[in-house]
Protein backbone atom coordinates (compact mmCIF):
# COMPACT_ATOMS: atom_id res chain seq x y z
CA MET A 1 121.24 88.05 141.39
CA PHE A 2 118.33 88.68 139.07
CA ARG A 3 116.03 85.80 138.19
CA LEU A 4 113.22 85.40 135.79
CA ARG A 5 110.27 83.94 137.55
CA VAL A 6 107.89 81.94 135.18
CA PRO A 7 104.58 80.71 136.88
CA ALA A 8 104.21 77.05 137.28
CA GLY A 9 102.79 75.23 134.33
CA VAL A 10 103.44 77.92 132.00
CA PRO A 11 105.91 77.34 129.07
CA LEU A 12 109.17 79.06 129.28
CA LEU A 13 108.66 81.09 125.94
CA ALA A 14 105.04 82.01 127.15
CA GLY A 15 106.49 83.08 130.54
CA LEU A 16 108.98 85.28 128.90
CA VAL A 17 106.18 86.94 127.02
CA LEU A 18 104.34 87.41 130.23
CA ILE A 19 107.27 89.05 131.80
CA LEU A 20 108.19 91.17 128.85
CA ALA A 21 104.51 92.43 128.47
CA GLY A 22 105.26 95.18 130.83
CA CYS A 23 108.56 96.34 129.20
CA ASP A 24 108.68 99.49 127.02
CA GLU A 25 110.32 97.57 124.17
CA VAL A 26 107.34 95.19 124.08
CA GLN A 27 104.93 97.92 124.48
CA GLY A 28 106.27 99.29 121.28
CA VAL A 29 105.68 95.91 119.58
CA LEU A 30 102.14 95.75 121.01
CA GLN A 31 101.19 99.10 119.72
CA GLY A 32 103.26 99.08 116.50
CA GLY A 33 105.30 101.93 115.04
CA ASP A 34 108.33 102.61 112.97
CA GLY A 35 110.49 99.73 114.53
CA ASP A 36 113.86 99.02 113.15
CA ASP A 37 115.11 97.20 110.00
CA SER A 38 116.26 93.97 111.42
CA GLY A 39 113.27 92.16 109.59
CA GLY A 40 114.08 93.12 106.03
CA ILE A 41 111.25 94.70 104.40
CA VAL A 42 109.38 94.37 107.68
CA SER A 43 109.91 96.08 110.84
CA SER A 44 107.07 94.66 113.25
CA ALA A 45 103.66 93.14 113.65
CA GLN A 46 100.91 93.86 116.37
CA SER A 47 97.26 93.44 117.01
CA ALA A 48 95.07 95.45 114.77
CA PRO A 49 93.71 98.55 116.60
CA ILE A 50 90.05 97.62 116.28
CA LEU A 51 89.85 94.83 118.71
CA PRO A 52 91.53 94.04 122.12
CA ASP A 53 92.67 90.44 121.36
CA GLY A 54 93.96 90.19 117.76
CA ASP A 55 97.39 89.11 119.41
CA VAL A 56 95.96 86.82 122.18
CA ALA A 57 96.40 83.13 122.27
CA GLY A 58 93.08 81.37 121.07
CA ALA A 59 91.64 84.59 119.71
CA VAL A 60 90.77 85.17 116.07
CA THR A 61 93.83 86.18 113.90
CA ILE A 62 93.66 89.87 113.28
CA PHE A 63 97.00 91.85 113.02
CA ASP A 64 98.86 94.59 111.22
CA ILE A 65 102.16 94.29 109.64
CA ASN A 66 104.44 97.40 109.62
CA LEU A 67 106.92 97.78 106.78
CA ASP A 68 110.41 99.10 107.34
CA THR A 69 109.25 102.76 106.33
CA SER A 70 108.53 105.63 108.83
CA LEU A 71 104.84 105.92 109.49
CA ASP A 72 105.37 109.84 109.17
CA PRO A 73 103.20 110.67 106.19
CA SER A 74 105.90 112.90 104.83
CA VAL A 75 107.90 109.71 104.17
CA THR A 76 106.97 107.90 100.95
CA GLY A 77 105.71 104.44 101.24
CA ARG A 78 106.01 101.39 98.66
CA SER A 79 104.42 101.06 95.44
CA LEU A 80 102.99 97.82 93.92
CA MET A 81 102.57 97.93 90.12
CA GLN A 82 100.02 96.23 88.04
CA GLY A 83 100.40 92.33 88.16
CA LYS A 84 102.64 92.35 91.10
CA THR A 85 102.05 90.80 94.55
CA ILE A 86 102.59 91.01 98.32
CA LYS A 87 102.51 87.60 99.89
CA VAL A 88 102.01 87.17 103.66
CA THR A 89 102.78 83.65 105.01
CA LEU A 90 101.82 82.62 108.69
CA PRO A 91 103.40 79.76 110.51
CA ASP A 92 101.32 76.39 110.57
CA ALA A 93 100.87 76.94 114.34
CA PHE A 94 98.05 79.46 113.36
CA GLN A 95 95.07 77.06 113.11
CA LYS A 96 92.49 77.23 110.43
CA VAL A 97 89.26 76.60 112.04
CA ASP A 98 86.92 76.47 109.04
CA ASP A 99 86.62 76.44 105.35
CA ARG A 100 85.65 80.04 104.60
CA PRO A 101 87.06 81.43 101.66
CA THR A 102 89.64 84.05 101.20
CA LYS A 103 88.37 86.92 99.17
CA THR A 104 88.70 90.77 98.61
CA ILE A 105 87.21 92.92 101.27
CA PHE A 106 84.27 94.96 100.02
CA GLY A 107 84.34 92.58 96.90
CA SER A 108 81.36 90.36 97.72
CA ASP A 109 78.44 90.25 100.13
CA ASP A 110 80.21 87.69 102.41
CA CYS A 111 83.29 89.98 102.84
CA MET A 112 81.74 93.11 103.89
CA PRO A 113 82.44 94.55 107.30
CA PRO A 114 81.35 94.06 109.98
CA ASP A 115 80.15 90.69 109.20
CA LEU A 116 83.18 89.20 107.69
CA ARG A 117 82.55 85.60 106.46
CA CYS A 118 85.92 85.56 104.69
CA ASN A 119 89.57 85.76 105.12
CA THR A 120 90.81 88.90 103.84
CA GLY A 121 93.09 92.02 104.20
CA ALA A 122 93.77 95.51 103.19
CA LEU A 123 96.71 97.67 102.32
CA LEU A 124 97.24 100.63 104.76
CA GLN A 125 99.11 103.92 104.45
CA GLY A 126 100.33 104.26 107.89
CA TRP A 127 97.36 105.24 110.27
CA PRO A 128 94.27 103.49 111.26
CA GLN A 129 91.13 103.22 109.15
CA HIS A 130 92.88 104.77 106.02
CA PRO A 131 93.45 101.85 103.55
CA ILE A 132 94.09 101.88 99.85
CA LEU A 133 90.73 100.67 99.10
CA PRO A 134 90.41 97.61 96.81
CA LEU A 135 87.37 99.15 95.47
CA VAL A 136 86.64 102.92 94.97
CA PRO A 137 83.98 103.57 96.04
CA PRO A 138 83.62 100.17 98.08
CA ASN A 139 80.78 98.50 96.37
CA PRO A 140 80.74 95.17 94.65
CA THR A 141 80.60 96.74 91.04
CA GLY A 142 83.41 99.06 91.55
CA GLU A 143 86.93 98.62 89.90
CA LEU A 144 89.17 96.41 91.77
CA HIS A 145 92.64 98.07 92.43
CA TYR A 146 93.80 94.86 94.16
CA SER A 147 92.62 91.38 94.85
CA VAL A 148 93.23 89.29 97.83
CA SER A 149 93.46 85.45 97.56
CA ALA A 150 95.06 82.43 99.05
CA GLU A 151 98.12 80.41 97.58
CA ASP A 152 97.68 77.80 100.25
CA THR A 153 96.24 77.55 103.77
CA HIS A 154 98.57 79.92 105.26
CA THR A 155 99.76 82.35 102.42
CA PHE A 156 97.72 85.16 101.38
CA VAL A 157 98.34 87.21 98.33
CA PHE A 158 97.49 90.91 97.43
CA THR A 159 97.63 91.23 93.65
CA ALA A 160 97.63 94.79 92.11
CA ASN A 161 95.00 95.11 89.25
CA VAL A 162 96.25 98.76 88.57
CA ASP A 163 99.39 100.64 89.48
CA ILE A 164 99.21 101.32 93.25
CA VAL A 165 101.51 104.30 93.86
CA PRO A 166 101.72 107.23 96.29
CA GLY A 167 98.77 109.34 95.80
CA LEU A 168 96.70 106.86 94.46
CA ALA A 169 93.96 105.30 94.89
CA VAL A 170 93.52 107.32 98.10
CA PRO A 171 95.81 110.40 98.49
CA GLY A 172 98.60 109.47 100.68
CA PRO A 173 102.18 108.31 100.95
CA GLY A 174 101.70 104.81 99.65
CA ILE A 175 101.86 101.22 101.22
CA LYS A 176 103.13 101.18 104.70
CA GLN A 177 101.15 98.55 106.57
CA VAL A 178 99.49 95.25 105.64
CA HIS A 179 96.26 94.62 107.60
CA MET A 180 95.31 90.89 108.02
CA LEU A 181 91.74 90.05 108.83
CA LEU A 182 91.85 86.23 108.93
CA THR A 183 88.38 85.44 110.73
CA GLY A 184 88.77 81.73 109.75
CA PHE A 185 91.87 81.35 111.93
CA VAL A 186 92.76 81.31 115.61
CA ASN A 187 96.06 82.30 117.21
CA PRO A 188 98.49 79.52 118.73
CA ALA A 189 99.89 79.30 122.04
CA PRO A 190 101.81 82.26 123.65
CA GLY A 191 105.15 82.81 122.14
CA VAL A 192 106.76 84.81 119.39
CA TYR A 193 105.92 83.86 115.74
CA ASP A 194 107.49 84.88 112.51
CA ILE A 195 105.23 86.37 109.89
CA HIS A 196 106.89 86.17 106.45
CA VAL A 197 106.50 88.83 103.71
CA GLU A 198 107.48 88.58 100.11
CA ALA A 199 106.74 91.61 98.08
CA GLU A 200 107.36 92.62 94.45
CA THR A 201 107.79 96.30 95.75
CA GLY A 202 111.38 96.85 94.80
CA PRO A 203 112.94 98.71 91.80
CA GLY A 204 111.30 97.45 88.70
CA GLY A 205 109.11 95.17 90.78
CA SER A 206 111.84 93.26 92.26
CA VAL A 207 111.22 90.95 95.20
CA GLU A 208 111.77 92.37 98.61
CA GLU A 209 111.47 89.87 101.62
CA GLY A 210 111.29 90.28 105.36
CA THR A 211 110.14 88.75 108.65
CA ALA A 212 108.17 90.06 111.40
CA LYS A 213 107.87 88.86 114.97
CA LEU A 214 104.35 88.79 116.36
CA PHE A 215 104.16 88.43 119.90
CA ILE A 216 101.04 86.15 120.82
CA LEU A 217 100.13 86.94 124.45
CA PRO A 218 98.63 84.61 127.03
CA SER A 219 95.82 86.93 127.91
CA ILE A 220 94.38 90.32 127.01
CA VAL A 221 96.13 93.45 128.44
CA PRO A 222 94.70 96.91 128.82
CA ARG A 223 94.71 98.72 125.28
CA ILE A 224 94.78 102.32 124.01
CA ASN A 225 94.48 102.41 120.22
CA VAL A 226 94.34 105.33 117.89
CA ALA A 227 91.31 105.73 115.74
CA SER A 228 90.78 107.74 112.86
CA ALA A 229 87.29 106.77 111.64
CA PHE A 230 85.46 109.32 113.63
CA ASN A 231 86.82 112.16 111.65
CA ALA A 232 85.44 112.56 108.08
CA GLY A 233 87.98 110.93 105.67
CA SER A 234 89.77 109.15 108.43
CA PRO A 235 92.45 111.85 108.41
CA ASN A 236 95.99 111.24 110.04
CA THR A 237 95.61 112.61 113.85
CA ILE A 238 98.98 111.00 114.70
CA TYR A 239 101.13 113.60 112.94
CA GLN A 240 99.75 117.09 113.09
CA THR A 241 100.96 120.66 112.64
CA ALA A 242 99.73 123.65 114.71
CA PRO A 243 100.68 127.09 115.64
CA THR A 244 102.50 127.71 119.06
CA GLY A 245 100.03 128.25 121.85
CA ALA A 246 97.04 126.70 119.85
CA PRO A 247 95.06 123.58 119.80
CA THR A 248 95.56 120.97 116.92
CA THR A 249 93.16 121.09 113.98
CA LEU A 250 91.94 117.58 114.69
CA PRO A 251 91.23 116.08 118.34
CA TYR A 252 92.53 112.67 119.21
CA ASP A 253 90.37 109.55 119.25
CA PHE A 254 91.29 106.44 121.11
CA LEU A 255 89.67 103.22 121.72
CA LEU A 256 89.98 101.82 125.17
CA TRP A 257 89.72 98.25 126.57
CA ASP A 258 90.42 97.00 130.07
CA ALA A 259 92.24 93.91 130.92
CA ASP A 260 89.17 91.65 130.28
CA GLY A 261 88.66 93.06 126.74
CA GLU A 262 85.62 95.13 128.03
CA PRO A 263 85.06 98.70 126.93
CA LEU A 264 86.87 101.11 129.36
CA THR A 265 84.44 103.90 129.86
CA GLY A 266 84.40 106.90 132.13
CA VAL A 267 88.05 107.78 131.58
CA THR A 268 89.06 111.34 131.82
CA ILE A 269 92.40 113.19 131.45
CA GLU A 270 93.58 115.02 134.71
CA PRO A 271 96.70 117.18 134.81
CA VAL A 272 99.58 116.50 137.06
CA ASP A 273 101.88 119.41 135.61
CA GLU A 274 102.68 120.78 132.13
CA THR A 275 104.31 117.65 130.91
CA HIS A 276 102.28 114.88 132.61
CA TRP A 277 98.53 113.78 132.78
CA SER A 278 96.79 110.80 134.31
CA LEU A 279 94.12 108.71 132.85
CA VAL A 280 91.64 108.36 135.49
CA VAL A 281 88.25 106.47 136.28
CA ASP A 282 86.57 107.20 139.42
CA SER A 283 89.71 108.86 140.93
CA GLU A 284 91.67 105.79 140.09
CA ASP A 285 94.59 106.00 137.71
CA VAL A 286 94.30 103.54 134.92
CA GLY A 287 97.17 105.07 132.81
CA ASN A 288 99.18 108.35 132.07
CA VAL A 289 100.27 110.78 129.42
CA GLU A 290 103.90 111.95 129.18
CA LEU A 291 104.87 114.95 126.93
CA ASP A 292 108.39 115.38 125.43
CA GLY A 293 108.54 119.00 123.96
CA PRO A 294 110.86 121.83 123.10
CA ASP A 295 113.07 123.26 125.82
CA GLY A 296 111.51 125.98 127.75
CA ALA A 297 107.98 125.44 126.41
CA THR A 298 105.16 126.36 128.82
CA GLY A 299 101.29 126.54 128.55
CA GLN A 300 100.70 123.33 126.65
CA GLU A 301 97.59 121.65 127.57
CA LEU A 302 95.85 118.38 127.13
CA VAL A 303 92.13 117.86 127.92
CA SER A 304 89.50 115.12 127.48
CA LEU A 305 86.33 116.59 125.91
CA GLU A 306 84.16 114.22 127.83
CA PRO A 307 84.59 110.85 129.82
CA SER A 308 85.10 108.04 127.55
CA PHE A 309 81.82 106.23 126.47
CA GLU A 310 80.94 103.00 124.78
CA VAL A 311 80.84 102.84 120.98
CA ASN A 312 81.40 100.01 118.43
CA SER A 313 84.94 100.15 116.89
CA PRO A 314 85.42 100.64 113.31
CA ILE A 315 85.30 97.77 110.75
CA LEU A 316 84.50 95.03 113.14
CA GLY A 317 81.97 96.77 115.41
CA VAL A 318 83.58 95.54 118.69
CA PRO A 319 82.36 97.34 121.80
CA THR A 320 85.05 99.58 123.02
CA GLY A 321 85.36 102.84 125.00
CA ARG A 322 85.98 105.99 122.88
CA LEU A 323 88.12 108.72 124.43
CA THR A 324 88.29 112.13 122.80
CA ALA A 325 91.15 114.39 123.84
CA GLN A 326 92.46 117.81 122.53
CA PHE A 327 96.01 118.92 122.84
CA SER A 328 97.29 122.50 122.67
CA THR A 329 101.05 123.40 121.81
CA GLY A 330 102.96 125.36 124.22
CA SER A 331 104.90 128.62 124.13
CA GLU A 332 107.77 127.35 121.83
CA ALA A 333 107.99 126.28 118.25
CA GLY A 334 109.29 122.72 117.62
CA ASP A 335 108.41 119.06 118.00
CA TYR A 336 105.91 117.80 120.62
CA ALA A 337 105.47 114.06 121.31
CA LEU A 338 102.85 112.77 123.56
CA THR A 339 103.04 109.09 124.81
CA PHE A 340 99.65 107.66 126.05
CA ARG A 341 100.06 104.50 128.29
CA MET A 342 97.68 102.13 130.03
CA ASP A 343 98.85 100.64 133.21
CA GLY A 344 100.17 97.07 132.27
CA GLY A 345 98.99 97.50 128.73
CA THR A 346 99.83 99.17 125.41
CA SER A 347 100.80 102.71 124.56
CA ALA A 348 100.17 105.22 121.64
CA ARG A 349 102.28 108.03 120.39
CA MET A 350 101.17 111.27 118.94
CA PHE A 351 103.33 114.06 117.27
CA VAL A 352 102.72 117.64 116.69
CA THR A 353 105.02 120.17 115.17
CA ALA A 354 104.41 123.75 116.32
CA GLU A 355 105.15 126.62 114.04
C-alpha cells in the first residue's frame, strides 16, 4: 500500500507540494509552458525566470502567468485594444508589506529595473526578456503603449493606450504571458493559490476569464531557466530552425541556481550517448538532458561553450550562473526537442526543426 508521508509539523497541503516537487507534472508547472485549457484563458503560473525564489514562501512575489495559447511563436497570441484592460487578482494570503506605489515599468525613476521601488508588470510574447514594452524606447518621455495601475490592494490592471496587436509594438506573436513584479508583496505559506485573470481580449474586446494555480513551495529548488537577454534583441532561442547536421543559429543561454538560491557555476555538459547528456560540476551530476528526435537520426551534438560562470540576471540583477550551450541537429529532418533537467528541481524544453 502506497502512503504519502508528510514531515512532522508541516501542513498537509504544504507537504503535498513538497512531495510533488519532484514529479514531472509539477516540474512543468515550475518551469511553465503551454499547459492545458482547464483554467479558462489561463493555463499556468510559475516563478519568473529571472530569480530563484519567486514562488517560494516568504519571498518577494514575482511570477509569470501563461495564457491558454501555445508559446510557439508561429501561433498568434492575444490583442488588447485601446482602452481595454487585463486585470490580475491575487488571493488575500499574499501579504502587502509596504505602501510602495503601483506604476508602469520604465515609466518613472522609481520603477526602473533593477531598482524597482514599485509594484509593476509587463506583457510578454512567449519567451523571456521579450516584452511588449510599455514605452518605446523605454524612457520616461516615450509614448505609453500601456499603463499599469492598482484597482485595489490585490488587483493589478494593464490598460492599453494604443491598440496592442501581433506585430506591434515589438515584432512578435502578441500577448501570451503576463509578468508580475510585485516587489511590495511576499508570498504566503506553502500551498496552491488561485491567480485570477479578467481580460478584455475576446472578440470586440469582450471579457475572457481564467484562473491559474500558482504553487508556492516551502523552499528553493535547483533551477534552470532560459534567458534571451544575452543575444541582441532578445530573440527566441526556445523555438529554432536549422539545416540537418548543423548547429542552431543561436546558442542557448540558461540561468542556474542551486538549492540554496546561489549561482550554480562550473557546470559543463558531458555526453552519455547521442540522446542523453549530463550536467556536471566537479565530476558530480547535477542534472541531465534528454533528446527526443526523428527516428534514425544520428550525429546530433550538445556542447557547453564554457563552464557556467556568475553573472547578474536580466531585469533584477540577481546573481546567477550562466551556462551557454550549442545544439547541432542530426542526420534526419524533423523535430528535435531537448529537455534540460536539474536534479530535484526545474526543467526547460527547447525545440528545433531540422530542414
